[in-house]
Structures are given as C-alpha cells and as structure tokens.
Amino acid sequence: MSLKLQKWISRSGWFVLIWVLSVLALGVVA
C-alpha cells in the first residue's frame, strides 16, 4: 500500500467508516 494512501486513510479513515456505517444502517431501516 502506498504511503499517500496510508496518509489519506489515517486522516479521513474514521469519517469514511462512519459514513459507510450510516449508509448501511439507512439501507437496513429502509
């Protein structure tokens, strides 16, 4: 894995994870 990708994941990984979980939750509710 490239260093640039690691930096991006460490910086916005949590935001992406929460966003994905929110989308999955909405999909289950809907």
Protein backbone atom coordinates (compact mmCIF):
# COMPACT_ATOMS: atom_id res chain seq x y z
CA MET A 1 0.00 0.00 0.00
CA SER A 2 1.37 3.40 -0.95
CA LEU A 3 2.38 5.97 1.64
CA LYS A 4 -0.01 8.52 0.16
CA LEU A 5 -2.90 6.11 0.59
CA GLN A 6 -1.88 5.38 4.18
CA LYS A 7 -1.83 9.11 4.96
CA TRP A 8 -5.28 9.55 3.43
CA ILE A 9 -6.71 6.62 5.38
CA SER A 10 -5.20 7.80 8.67
CA ARG A 11 -6.62 11.28 8.10
CA SER A 12 -10.14 10.50 6.88
CA GLY A 13 -10.49 6.78 7.55
CA TRP A 14 -12.77 7.32 10.54
CA PHE A 15 -15.01 9.70 8.58
CA VAL A 16 -15.34 7.19 5.75
CA LEU A 17 -16.01 4.34 8.19
CA ILE A 18 -18.79 6.28 9.94
CA TRP A 19 -20.27 7.32 6.56
CA VAL A 20 -20.33 3.72 5.32
CA LEU A 21 -21.94 2.50 8.55
CA SER A 22 -24.57 5.25 8.29
CA VAL A 23 -25.40 4.27 4.70
CA LEU A 24 -25.67 0.60 5.69
CA ALA A 25 -27.90 1.49 8.66
CA LEU A 26 -30.20 3.56 6.42
CA GLY A 27 -30.33 0.67 3.96
CA VAL A 28 -31.39 -1.72 6.72
CA VAL A 29 -34.03 0.65 8.08
CA ALA A 30 -35.38 1.37 4.60
